[in-house]
PDB file of N, CA and C in Angstrom:
ATOM      1  N   MET A   1       6.969  88.190 -12.094  1.00  0.00           N
ATOM      2  CA  MET A   1       8.115  87.409 -11.728  1.00  0.00           C
ATOM      3  C   MET A   1       8.252  86.681 -13.102  1.00  0.00           C
ATOM      4  N   THR A   2       9.591  86.478 -13.452  1.00  0.00           N
ATOM      5  CA  THR A   2       9.846  85.527 -14.672  1.00  0.00           C
ATOM      6  C   THR A   2       9.770  83.970 -14.305  1.00  0.00           C
ATOM      7  N   LEU A   3       9.717  83.131 -15.216  1.00  0.00           N
ATOM      8  CA  LEU A   3       9.844  81.948 -14.955  1.00  0.00           C
ATOM      9  C   LEU A   3      11.112  81.353 -14.212  1.00  0.00           C
ATOM     10  N   SER A   4      12.298  82.138 -14.752  1.00  0.00           N
ATOM     11  CA  SER A   4      13.575  81.816 -14.088  1.00  0.00           C
ATOM     12  C   SER A   4      13.629  82.232 -12.744  1.00  0.00           C
ATOM     13  N   ARG A   5      13.082  83.377 -11.986  1.00  0.00           N
ATOM     14  CA  ARG A   5      13.071  83.692 -10.945  1.00  0.00           C
ATOM     15  C   ARG A   5      12.136  82.692 -10.128  1.00  0.00           C
ATOM     16  N   TRP A   6      10.930  82.283 -10.606  1.00  0.00           N
ATOM     17  CA  TRP A   6      10.079  81.461 -10.116  1.00  0.00           C
ATOM     18  C   TRP A   6      10.771  80.092  -9.655  1.00  0.00           C
ATOM     19  N   LEU A   7      11.514  79.672 -10.660  1.00  0.00           N
ATOM     20  CA  LEU A   7      12.270  78.438 -10.559  1.00  0.00           C
ATOM     21  C   LEU A   7      13.343  78.441  -9.490  1.00  0.00           C
ATOM     22  N   ASP A   8      13.926  79.710  -9.304  1.00  0.00           N
ATOM     23  CA  ASP A   8      14.924  79.991  -8.152  1.00  0.00           C
ATOM     24  C   ASP A   8      14.174  79.793  -6.725  1.00  0.00           C
ATOM     25  N   GLY A   9      12.998  79.883  -6.790  1.00  0.00           N
ATOM     26  CA  GLY A   9      12.274  79.781  -5.438  1.00  0.00           C
ATOM     27  C   GLY A   9      11.716  78.333  -5.147  1.00  0.00           C
ATOM     28  N   ARG A  10      11.986  77.467  -6.053  1.00  0.00           N
ATOM     29  CA  ARG A  10      11.532  76.133  -5.694  1.00  0.00           C
ATOM     30  C   ARG A  10      12.486  75.570  -4.680  1.00  0.00           C
ATOM     31  N   ARG A  11      11.868  74.771  -4.068  1.00  0.00           N
ATOM     32  CA  ARG A  11      12.697  73.717  -3.010  1.00  0.00           C
ATOM     33  C   ARG A  11      12.207  72.342  -2.962  1.00  0.00           C
ATOM     34  N   PRO A  12      13.310  71.432  -2.942  1.00  0.00           N
ATOM     35  CA  PRO A  12      14.722  71.618  -2.850  1.00  0.00           C
ATOM     36  C   PRO A  12      15.313  72.205  -4.174  1.00  0.00           C
ATOM     37  N   VAL A  13      16.391  72.854  -3.942  1.00  0.00           N
ATOM     38  CA  VAL A  13      17.138  73.465  -5.009  1.00  0.00           C
ATOM     39  C   VAL A  13      17.941  72.306  -5.895  1.00  0.00           C
ATOM     40  N   PRO A  14      17.904  72.376  -7.187  1.00  0.00           N
ATOM     41  CA  PRO A  14      18.285  71.066  -7.793  1.00  0.00           C
ATOM     42  C   PRO A  14      19.890  71.229  -7.944  1.00  0.00           C
ATOM     43  N   PRO A  15      20.573  70.268  -8.027  1.00  0.00           N
ATOM     44  CA  PRO A  15      22.081  70.197  -8.215  1.00  0.00           C
ATOM     45  C   PRO A  15      22.174  71.255  -9.327  1.00  0.00           C
ATOM     46  N   PRO A  16      23.515  72.063  -9.480  1.00  0.00           N
ATOM     47  CA  PRO A  16      23.876  72.933 -10.495  1.00  0.00           C
ATOM     48  C   PRO A  16      23.752  72.197 -11.874  1.00  0.00           C
ATOM     49  N   ALA A  17      24.206  71.028 -12.246  1.00  0.00           N
ATOM     50  CA  ALA A  17      24.223  70.478 -13.305  1.00  0.00           C
ATOM     51  C   ALA A  17      22.626  70.007 -13.960  1.00  0.00           C
ATOM     52  N   LEU A  18      21.680  69.909 -13.010  1.00  0.00           N
ATOM     53  CA  LEU A  18      20.331  69.657 -13.284  1.00  0.00           C
ATOM     54  C   LEU A  18      19.684  70.943 -13.653  1.00  0.00           C
ATOM     55  N   ARG A  19      20.081  71.973 -12.686  1.00  0.00           N
ATOM     56  CA  ARG A  19      19.323  73.279 -13.177  1.00  0.00           C
ATOM     57  C   ARG A  19      19.988  73.732 -14.564  1.00  0.00           C
ATOM     58  N   ALA A  20      21.079  73.415 -14.896  1.00  0.00           N
ATOM     59  CA  ALA A  20      21.449  74.218 -16.191  1.00  0.00           C
ATOM     60  C   ALA A  20      20.888  73.467 -17.261  1.00  0.00           C
ATOM     61  N   ARG A  21      20.620  71.977 -17.158  1.00  0.00           N
ATOM     62  CA  ARG A  21      20.032  71.355 -18.183  1.00  0.00           C
ATOM     63  C   ARG A  21      18.389  71.865 -18.364  1.00  0.00           C
ATOM     64  N   ILE A  22      17.820  72.043 -17.135  1.00  0.00           N
ATOM     65  CA  ILE A  22      16.313  72.554 -16.982  1.00  0.00           C
ATOM     66  C   ILE A  22      16.331  73.938 -17.770  1.00  0.00           C
ATOM     67  N   ASP A  23      17.310  74.446 -17.485  1.00  0.00           N
ATOM     68  CA  ASP A  23      17.182  75.958 -18.127  1.00  0.00           C
ATOM     69  C   ASP A  23      17.450  75.803 -19.591  1.00  0.00           C
ATOM     70  N   ALA A  24      18.553  74.877 -19.933  1.00  0.00           N
ATOM     71  CA  ALA A  24      18.709  74.922 -21.620  1.00  0.00           C
ATOM     72  C   ALA A  24      17.280  74.477 -22.256  1.00  0.00           C
ATOM     73  N   ALA A  25      16.581  73.370 -21.541  1.00  0.00           N
ATOM     74  CA  ALA A  25      15.390  72.734 -22.089  1.00  0.00           C
ATOM     75  C   ALA A  25      14.354  74.012 -22.103  1.00  0.00           C
ATOM     76  N   LEU A  26      14.494  75.012 -21.284  1.00  0.00           N
ATOM     77  CA  LEU A  26      13.342  75.806 -21.311  1.00  0.00           C
ATOM     78  C   LEU A  26      13.711  77.138 -22.137  1.00  0.00           C
ATOM     79  N   GLY A  27      15.065  77.365 -22.457  1.00  0.00           N
ATOM     80  CA  GLY A  27      15.584  78.479 -23.172  1.00  0.00           C
ATOM     81  C   GLY A  27      14.855  79.689 -22.998  1.00  0.00           C
ATOM     82  N   SER A  28      14.255  80.359 -23.825  1.00  0.00           N
ATOM     83  CA  SER A  28      13.778  81.809 -23.848  1.00  0.00           C
ATOM     84  C   SER A  28      12.755  81.859 -23.176  1.00  0.00           C
ATOM     85  N   ALA A  29      12.016  80.662 -22.757  1.00  0.00           N
ATOM     86  CA  ALA A  29      10.772  80.699 -22.101  1.00  0.00           C
ATOM     87  C   ALA A  29      11.122  81.047 -20.554  1.00  0.00           C
ATOM     88  N   LEU A  30      12.338  80.988 -20.118  1.00  0.00           N
ATOM     89  CA  LEU A  30      12.851  81.483 -18.715  1.00  0.00           C
ATOM     90  C   LEU A  30      12.517  83.089 -18.633  1.00  0.00           C
ATOM     91  N   GLU A  31      12.484  83.630 -19.587  1.00  0.00           N
ATOM     92  CA  GLU A  31      12.206  85.158 -19.402  1.00  0.00           C
ATOM     93  C   GLU A  31      10.780  85.438 -19.636  1.00  0.00           C
ATOM     94  N   SER A  32       9.871  84.396 -19.670  1.00  0.00           N
ATOM     95  CA  SER A  32       8.384  84.784 -19.725  1.00  0.00           C
ATOM     96  C   SER A  32       7.836  84.609 -18.292  1.00  0.00           C
ATOM     97  N   SER A  33       6.644  85.193 -18.105  1.00  0.00           N
ATOM     98  CA  SER A  33       5.942  85.083 -16.940  1.00  0.00           C
ATOM     99  C   SER A  33       5.705  83.748 -16.294  1.00  0.00           C
ATOM    100  N   GLU A  34       6.017  83.872 -14.897  1.00  0.00           N
ATOM    101  CA  GLU A  34       5.618  82.805 -14.098  1.00  0.00           C
ATOM    102  C   GLU A  34       4.222  82.201 -14.288  1.00  0.00           C
ATOM    103  N   ALA A  35       3.460  82.986 -14.892  1.00  0.00           N
ATOM    104  CA  ALA A  35       2.082  82.617 -15.171  1.00  0.00           C
ATOM    105  C   ALA A  35       2.011  81.464 -16.181  1.00  0.00           C
ATOM    106  N   LEU A  36       3.011  81.417 -16.968  1.00  0.00           N
ATOM    107  CA  LEU A  36       3.174  80.480 -18.109  1.00  0.00           C
ATOM    108  C   LEU A  36       4.000  79.108 -17.635  1.00  0.00           C
ATOM    109  N   ALA A  37       4.287  79.009 -16.283  1.00  0.00           N
ATOM    110  CA  ALA A  37       5.222  77.959 -15.818  1.00  0.00           C
ATOM    111  C   ALA A  37       4.544  76.556 -16.293  1.00  0.00           C
ATOM    112  N   LEU A  38       3.426  76.370 -15.990  1.00  0.00           N
ATOM    113  CA  LEU A  38       2.747  75.069 -16.344  1.00  0.00           C
ATOM    114  C   LEU A  38       3.015  74.758 -17.612  1.00  0.00           C
ATOM    115  N   GLU A  39       2.621  75.524 -18.515  1.00  0.00           N
ATOM    116  CA  GLU A  39       2.771  75.088 -20.157  1.00  0.00           C
ATOM    117  C   GLU A  39       4.147  75.081 -20.413  1.00  0.00           C
ATOM    118  N   SER A  40       4.920  76.150 -20.094  1.00  0.00           N
ATOM    119  CA  SER A  40       6.331  76.117 -20.470  1.00  0.00           C
ATOM    120  C   SER A  40       7.221  75.030 -19.955  1.00  0.00           C
ATOM    121  N   CYS A  41       6.852  74.377 -18.670  1.00  0.00           N
ATOM    122  CA  CYS A  41       7.572  73.405 -18.152  1.00  0.00           C
ATOM    123  C   CYS A  41       7.324  71.992 -18.718  1.00  0.00           C
ATOM    124  N   LEU A  42       6.023  71.991 -19.098  1.00  0.00           N
ATOM    125  CA  LEU A  42       5.167  70.754 -19.677  1.00  0.00           C
ATOM    126  C   LEU A  42       5.834  70.568 -21.002  1.00  0.00           C
ATOM    127  N   SER A  43       5.813  71.657 -21.968  1.00  0.00           N
ATOM    128  CA  SER A  43       6.341  71.638 -23.293  1.00  0.00           C
ATOM    129  C   SER A  43       7.701  71.428 -23.253  1.00  0.00           C
ATOM    130  N   ALA A  44       8.514  71.967 -22.247  1.00  0.00           N
ATOM    131  CA  ALA A  44       9.985  71.645 -22.266  1.00  0.00           C
ATOM    132  C   ALA A  44      10.128  70.161 -21.897  1.00  0.00           C
ATOM    133  N   GLY A  45       9.519  69.754 -20.964  1.00  0.00           N
ATOM    134  CA  GLY A  45       9.747  68.172 -20.595  1.00  0.00           C
ATOM    135  C   GLY A  45       9.275  67.304 -21.780  1.00  0.00           C
ATOM    136  N   GLU A  46       8.340  67.652 -22.307  1.00  0.00           N
ATOM    137  CA  GLU A  46       7.823  66.758 -23.702  1.00  0.00           C
ATOM    138  C   GLU A  46       9.167  66.775 -24.670  1.00  0.00           C
ATOM    139  N   ARG A  47       9.626  67.907 -24.984  1.00  0.00           N
ATOM    140  CA  ARG A  47      10.691  67.967 -25.931  1.00  0.00           C
ATOM    141  C   ARG A  47      11.774  67.300 -25.571  1.00  0.00           C
ATOM    142  N   VAL A  48      12.129  67.121 -24.272  1.00  0.00           N
ATOM    143  CA  VAL A  48      13.266  66.524 -23.759  1.00  0.00           C
ATOM    144  C   VAL A  48      12.986  64.895 -24.096  1.00  0.00           C
ATOM    145  N   VAL A  49      11.947  64.699 -23.588  1.00  0.00           N
ATOM    146  CA  VAL A  49      11.513  62.906 -23.763  1.00  0.00           C
ATOM    147  C   VAL A  49      11.510  62.671 -25.040  1.00  0.00           C
ATOM    148  N   ALA A  50      10.743  63.763 -25.969  1.00  0.00           N
ATOM    149  CA  ALA A  50      10.620  63.135 -27.462  1.00  0.00           C
ATOM    150  C   ALA A  50      12.117  63.163 -28.069  1.00  0.00           C
ATOM    151  N   SER A  51      12.992  63.865 -27.610  1.00  0.00           N
ATOM    152  CA  SER A  51      14.397  63.824 -28.264  1.00  0.00           C
ATOM    153  C   SER A  51      14.958  62.509 -27.710  1.00  0.00           C
ATOM    154  N   LEU A  52      14.826  62.179 -26.482  1.00  0.00           N
ATOM    155  CA  LEU A  52      15.381  60.904 -26.003  1.00  0.00           C
ATOM    156  C   LEU A  52      14.635  59.718 -26.633  1.00  0.00           C
ATOM    157  N   LEU A  53      13.269  59.754 -26.956  1.00  0.00           N
ATOM    158  CA  LEU A  53      12.743  58.706 -27.779  1.00  0.00           C
ATOM    159  C   LEU A  53      13.496  58.627 -29.075  1.00  0.00           C
ATOM    160  N   ARG A  54      13.404  59.642 -29.722  1.00  0.00           N
ATOM    161  CA  ARG A  54      13.937  59.779 -31.229  1.00  0.00           C
ATOM    162  C   ARG A  54      15.373  59.123 -31.217  1.00  0.00           C
ATOM    163  N   ALA A  55      16.130  59.417 -30.354  1.00  0.00           N
ATOM    164  CA  ALA A  55      17.452  58.981 -30.268  1.00  0.00           C
ATOM    165  C   ALA A  55      17.580  57.531 -29.673  1.00  0.00           C
ATOM    166  N   ASN A  56      16.613  57.064 -29.167  1.00  0.00           N
ATOM    167  CA  ASN A  56      16.599  55.771 -28.373  1.00  0.00           C
ATOM    168  C   ASN A  56      17.661  55.628 -27.363  1.00  0.00           C
ATOM    169  N   ALA A  57      17.666  56.631 -26.669  1.00  0.00           N
ATOM    170  CA  ALA A  57      18.753  57.224 -25.512  1.00  0.00           C
ATOM    171  C   ALA A  57      18.238  56.282 -24.270  1.00  0.00           C
ATOM    172  N   THR A  58      19.071  55.334 -24.170  1.00  0.00           N
ATOM    173  CA  THR A  58      18.804  54.593 -22.995  1.00  0.00           C
ATOM    174  C   THR A  58      19.865  54.035 -22.218  1.00  0.00           C
ATOM    175  N   THR A  59      20.928  54.879 -22.301  1.00  0.00           N
ATOM    176  CA  THR A  59      22.134  54.576 -21.581  1.00  0.00           C
ATOM    177  C   THR A  59      22.395  55.554 -20.296  1.00  0.00           C
ATOM    178  N   ARG A  60      23.367  55.204 -19.642  1.00  0.00           N
ATOM    179  CA  ARG A  60      23.566  56.213 -18.404  1.00  0.00           C
ATOM    180  C   ARG A  60      23.726  57.888 -18.788  1.00  0.00           C
ATOM    181  N   GLU A  61      24.259  57.765 -20.077  1.00  0.00           N
ATOM    182  CA  GLU A  61      24.501  59.303 -20.622  1.00  0.00           C
ATOM    183  C   GLU A  61      23.308  59.914 -20.663  1.00  0.00           C
ATOM    184  N   SER A  62      22.045  59.313 -20.496  1.00  0.00           N
ATOM    185  CA  SER A  62      20.771  59.999 -21.052  1.00  0.00           C
ATOM    186  C   SER A  62      20.218  60.424 -19.403  1.00  0.00           C
ATOM    187  N   ALA A  63      20.934  59.927 -18.171  1.00  0.00           N
ATOM    188  CA  ALA A  63      20.189  60.146 -16.965  1.00  0.00           C
ATOM    189  C   ALA A  63      19.910  61.805 -16.661  1.00  0.00           C
ATOM    190  N   LEU A  64      20.958  62.578 -17.155  1.00  0.00           N
ATOM    191  CA  LEU A  64      20.636  63.991 -16.604  1.00  0.00           C
ATOM    192  C   LEU A  64      19.229  64.440 -17.535  1.00  0.00           C
ATOM    193  N   ASP A  65      19.229  64.077 -18.759  1.00  0.00           N
ATOM    194  CA  ASP A  65      18.071  64.455 -19.492  1.00  0.00           C
ATOM    195  C   ASP A  65      16.750  63.870 -19.057  1.00  0.00           C
ATOM    196  N   LEU A  66      16.803  62.492 -18.518  1.00  0.00           N
ATOM    197  CA  LEU A  66      15.637  62.008 -17.981  1.00  0.00           C
ATOM    198  C   LEU A  66      15.235  62.698 -16.698  1.00  0.00           C
ATOM    199  N   LEU A  67      16.279  63.132 -15.763  1.00  0.00           N
ATOM    200  CA  LEU A  67      16.011  63.778 -14.494  1.00  0.00           C
ATOM    201  C   LEU A  67      15.443  65.263 -14.930  1.00  0.00           C
ATOM    202  N   ALA A  68      16.027  65.872 -15.860  1.00  0.00           N
ATOM    203  CA  ALA A  68      15.550  67.156 -16.289  1.00  0.00           C
ATOM    204  C   ALA A  68      14.058  67.076 -16.513  1.00  0.00           C
ATOM    205  N   ALA A  69      13.726  66.201 -17.477  1.00  0.00           N
ATOM    206  CA  ALA A  69      12.272  65.851 -17.776  1.00  0.00           C
ATOM    207  C   ALA A  69      11.450  65.694 -16.756  1.00  0.00           C
ATOM    208  N   ASP A  70      11.766  64.918 -15.768  1.00  0.00           N
ATOM    209  CA  ASP A  70      10.846  64.572 -14.672  1.00  0.00           C
ATOM    210  C   ASP A  70      10.914  66.006 -13.795  1.00  0.00           C
ATOM    211  N   ALA A  71      11.904  66.757 -13.686  1.00  0.00           N
ATOM    212  CA  ALA A  71      11.792  67.733 -12.901  1.00  0.00           C
ATOM    213  C   ALA A  71      11.055  69.020 -13.497  1.00  0.00           C
ATOM    214  N   LEU A  72      11.007  68.998 -14.784  1.00  0.00           N
ATOM    215  CA  LEU A  72       9.934  70.082 -15.469  1.00  0.00           C
ATOM    216  C   LEU A  72       8.754  69.560 -15.404  1.00  0.00           C
ATOM    217  N   VAL A  73       8.554  68.383 -15.650  1.00  0.00           N
ATOM    218  CA  VAL A  73       6.900  67.954 -15.285  1.00  0.00           C
ATOM    219  C   VAL A  73       6.413  68.114 -13.995  1.00  0.00           C
ATOM    220  N   THR A  74       7.377  67.984 -13.131  1.00  0.00           N
ATOM    221  CA  THR A  74       7.086  67.991 -11.664  1.00  0.00           C
ATOM    222  C   THR A  74       6.874  69.668 -11.344  1.00  0.00           C
ATOM    223  N   TYR A  75       7.716  70.590 -11.879  1.00  0.00           N
ATOM    224  CA  TYR A  75       7.538  71.889 -11.849  1.00  0.00           C
ATOM    225  C   TYR A  75       6.190  72.402 -12.305  1.00  0.00           C
ATOM    226  N   ALA A  76       5.752  71.731 -13.480  1.00  0.00           N
ATOM    227  CA  ALA A  76       4.537  72.010 -14.268  1.00  0.00           C
ATOM    228  C   ALA A  76       3.529  71.788 -13.138  1.00  0.00           C
ATOM    229  N   PHE A  77       3.429  70.517 -12.635  1.00  0.00           N
ATOM    230  CA  PHE A  77       2.355  70.226 -11.611  1.00  0.00           C
ATOM    231  C   PHE A  77       2.333  71.138 -10.372  1.00  0.00           C
ATOM    232  N   GLU A  78       3.437  71.503 -10.142  1.00  0.00           N
ATOM    233  CA  GLU A  78       3.562  72.493  -8.903  1.00  0.00           C
ATOM    234  C   GLU A  78       3.031  73.858  -9.269  1.00  0.00           C
ATOM    235  N   ALA A  79       3.129  74.252 -10.419  1.00  0.00           N
ATOM    236  CA  ALA A  79       2.383  75.376 -10.905  1.00  0.00           C
ATOM    237  C   ALA A  79       0.857  75.364 -11.099  1.00  0.00           C
ATOM    238  N   ALA A  80       0.427  74.202 -11.509  1.00  0.00           N
ATOM    239  CA  ALA A  80      -0.925  73.756 -11.585  1.00  0.00           C
ATOM    240  C   ALA A  80      -1.509  73.789 -10.382  1.00  0.00           C
ATOM    241  N   GLY A  81      -0.759  73.404  -9.164  1.00  0.00           N
ATOM    242  CA  GLY A  81      -1.191  73.468  -8.046  1.00  0.00           C
ATOM    243  C   GLY A  81      -1.700  74.658  -7.377  1.00  0.00           C
ATOM    244  N   ASP A  82      -1.490  75.724  -7.955  1.00  0.00           N
ATOM    245  CA  ASP A  82      -1.839  77.104  -7.806  1.00  0.00           C
ATOM    246  C   ASP A  82      -3.240  77.351  -8.161  1.00  0.00           C
ATOM    247  N   ARG A  83      -3.849  76.394  -8.840  1.00  0.00           N
ATOM    248  CA  ARG A  83      -5.428  76.658  -9.281  1.00  0.00           C
ATOM    249  C   ARG A  83      -5.705  75.003  -9.091  1.00  0.00           C
ATOM    250  N   PRO A  84      -6.161  74.580  -7.703  1.00  0.00           N
ATOM    251  CA  PRO A  84      -6.432  73.317  -7.533  1.00  0.00           C
ATOM    252  C   PRO A  84      -7.638  72.807  -8.185  1.00  0.00           C
ATOM    253  N   GLY A  85      -8.556  73.669  -8.307  1.00  0.00           N
ATOM    254  CA  GLY A  85      -9.878  73.358  -9.005  1.00  0.00           C
ATOM    255  C   GLY A  85      -9.758  72.802 -10.569  1.00  0.00           C
ATOM    256  N   GLU A  86      -8.559  73.194 -11.105  1.00  0.00           N
ATOM    257  CA  GLU A  86      -8.448  72.733 -12.407  1.00  0.00           C
ATOM    258  C   GLU A  86      -7.506  71.674 -12.664  1.00  0.00           C
ATOM    259  N   ILE A  87      -6.792  71.174 -11.376  1.00  0.00           N
ATOM    260  CA  ILE A  87      -5.599  70.164 -11.420  1.00  0.00           C
ATOM    261  C   ILE A  87      -6.180  68.912 -12.153  1.00  0.00           C
ATOM    262  N   ALA A  88      -7.246  68.444 -11.800  1.00  0.00           N
ATOM    263  CA  ALA A  88      -7.740  67.136 -12.511  1.00  0.00           C
ATOM    264  C   ALA A  88      -7.757  67.237 -14.016  1.00  0.00           C
ATOM    265  N   VAL A  89      -8.309  68.119 -14.523  1.00  0.00           N
ATOM    266  CA  VAL A  89      -8.320  68.223 -15.999  1.00  0.00           C
ATOM    267  C   VAL A  89      -6.965  68.498 -16.468  1.00  0.00           C
ATOM    268  N   ARG A  90      -6.195  69.191 -15.900  1.00  0.00           N
ATOM    269  CA  ARG A  90      -4.909  69.559 -16.475  1.00  0.00           C
ATOM    270  C   ARG A  90      -3.905  68.239 -16.318  1.00  0.00           C
ATOM    271  N   ALA A  91      -4.016  67.492 -15.376  1.00  0.00           N
ATOM    272  CA  ALA A  91      -3.279  66.207 -15.196  1.00  0.00           C
ATOM    273  C   ALA A  91      -3.615  65.271 -16.248  1.00  0.00           C
ATOM    274  N   ALA A  92      -4.915  65.320 -16.452  1.00  0.00           N
ATOM    275  CA  ALA A  92      -5.291  64.228 -17.594  1.00  0.00           C
ATOM    276  C   ALA A  92      -4.838  64.703 -19.022  1.00  0.00           C
ATOM    277  N   HIS A  93      -5.047  66.160 -19.185  1.00  0.00           N
ATOM    278  CA  HIS A  93      -4.281  66.567 -20.332  1.00  0.00           C
ATOM    279  C   HIS A  93      -2.840  66.462 -20.465  1.00  0.00           C
ATOM    280  N   ALA A  94      -2.120  66.676 -19.502  1.00  0.00           N
ATOM    281  CA  ALA A  94      -0.669  66.258 -19.411  1.00  0.00           C
ATOM    282  C   ALA A  94      -0.401  64.961 -19.712  1.00  0.00           C
ATOM    283  N   MET A  95      -0.954  63.980 -19.045  1.00  0.00           N
ATOM    284  CA  MET A  95      -0.802  62.500 -19.308  1.00  0.00           C
ATOM    285  C   MET A  95      -0.987  62.255 -20.679  1.00  0.00           C
ATOM    286  N   ALA A  96      -1.964  62.760 -21.169  1.00  0.00           N
ATOM    287  CA  ALA A  96      -2.292  62.323 -22.532  1.00  0.00           C
ATOM    288  C   ALA A  96      -1.017  62.754 -23.588  1.00  0.00           C
ATOM    289  N   ARG A  97      -0.944  64.112 -23.236  1.00  0.00           N
ATOM    290  CA  ARG A  97       0.349  64.404 -24.117  1.00  0.00           C
ATOM    291  C   ARG A  97       1.635  63.850 -23.968  1.00  0.00           C
ATOM    292  N   ILE A  98       2.147  63.460 -22.718  1.00  0.00           N
ATOM    293  CA  ILE A  98       3.215  62.538 -22.469  1.00  0.00           C
ATOM    294  C   ILE A  98       3.036  61.160 -23.030  1.00  0.00           C
ATOM    295  N   ALA A  99       2.060  60.447 -22.961  1.00  0.00           N
ATOM    296  CA  ALA A  99       1.602  59.216 -23.552  1.00  0.00           C
ATOM    297  C   ALA A  99       1.786  59.031 -24.901  1.00  0.00           C
ATOM    298  N   ALA A 100       1.275  60.127 -25.395  1.00  0.00           N
ATOM    299  CA  ALA A 100       1.487  60.295 -26.976  1.00  0.00           C
ATOM    300  C   ALA A 100       2.828  60.338 -27.635  1.00  0.00           C
ATOM    301  N   LEU A 101       3.723  60.712 -26.626  1.00  0.00           N
ATOM    302  CA  LEU A 101       5.175  60.650 -26.999  1.00  0.00           C
ATOM    303  C   LEU A 101       5.587  59.466 -27.435  1.00  0.00           C
ATOM    304  N   GLY A 102       4.969  58.208 -26.797  1.00  0.00           N
ATOM    305  CA  GLY A 102       5.486  56.891 -27.151  1.00  0.00           C
ATOM    306  C   GLY A 102       4.977  56.288 -28.361  1.00  0.00           C
ATOM    307  N   SER A 103       3.868  57.089 -28.946  1.00  0.00           N
ATOM    308  CA  SER A 103       3.249  56.454 -30.135  1.00  0.00           C
ATOM    309  C   SER A 103       4.361  56.694 -31.229  1.00  0.00           C
ATOM    310  N   GLU A 104       3.974  56.359 -32.402  1.00  0.00           N
ATOM    311  CA  GLU A 104       4.802  56.316 -33.669  1.00  0.00           C
ATOM    312  C   GLU A 104       4.719  57.742 -34.052  1.00  0.00           C
ATOM    313  N   GLY A 105       3.978  58.552 -33.810  1.00  0.00           N
ATOM    314  CA  GLY A 105       3.771  59.884 -34.238  1.00  0.00           C
ATOM    315  C   GLY A 105       4.783  60.898 -33.377  1.00  0.00           C
ATOM    316  N   ALA A 106       5.486  60.361 -32.392  1.00  0.00           N
ATOM    317  CA  ALA A 106       6.469  61.111 -31.926  1.00  0.00           C
ATOM    318  C   ALA A 106       7.907  61.250 -32.494  1.00  0.00           C
ATOM    319  N   ALA A 107       7.975  60.724 -33.747  1.00  0.00           N
ATOM    320  CA  ALA A 107       9.090  60.897 -34.590  1.00  0.00           C
ATOM    321  C   ALA A 107       9.367  62.358 -34.966  1.00  0.00           C
ATOM    322  N   SER A 108       8.400  63.196 -34.872  1.00  0.00           N
ATOM    323  CA  SER A 108       8.438  64.564 -35.406  1.00  0.00           C
ATOM    324  C   SER A 108       8.581  65.433 -33.883  1.00  0.00           C
ATOM    325  N   PRO A 109       9.369  66.538 -33.956  1.00  0.00           N
ATOM    326  CA  PRO A 109       9.558  67.362 -32.694  1.00  0.00           C
ATOM    327  C   PRO A 109       8.066  67.791 -32.242  1.00  0.00           C
ATOM    328  N   VAL A 110       8.068  67.785 -30.861  1.00  0.00           N
ATOM    329  CA  VAL A 110       6.861  68.477 -30.216  1.00  0.00           C
ATOM    330  C   VAL A 110       6.981  70.065 -30.275  1.00  0.00           C
ATOM    331  N   PRO A 111       6.011  70.650 -30.847  1.00  0.00           N
ATOM    332  CA  PRO A 111       5.950  71.991 -31.030  1.00  0.00           C
ATOM    333  C   PRO A 111       6.228  72.760 -29.763  1.00  0.00           C
TER     334      PRO A 111
END
């Protein structure tokens, strides 16, 4: 199953504008395997947050991007829940990655 199909199965279904922003953030990863959901969603969420930080985007116009980043990280953790024995390590790793975005090194794009 593709990541796109996996997202189709998530509940509750996000509003169309939010899903479109999520899909845009994921790009070609939508066609990858659902097995890559955790990393694909987390990386896409990081890219969205990094972009907002670089642009100092703090207005209402950024709300959809912030919601998309939140949804992407949430989906990453939903995928991580498929392997509960690894979730503590994965959560610590994800938190470190996201926290690093606030450092001065966040000025360059996240790979």
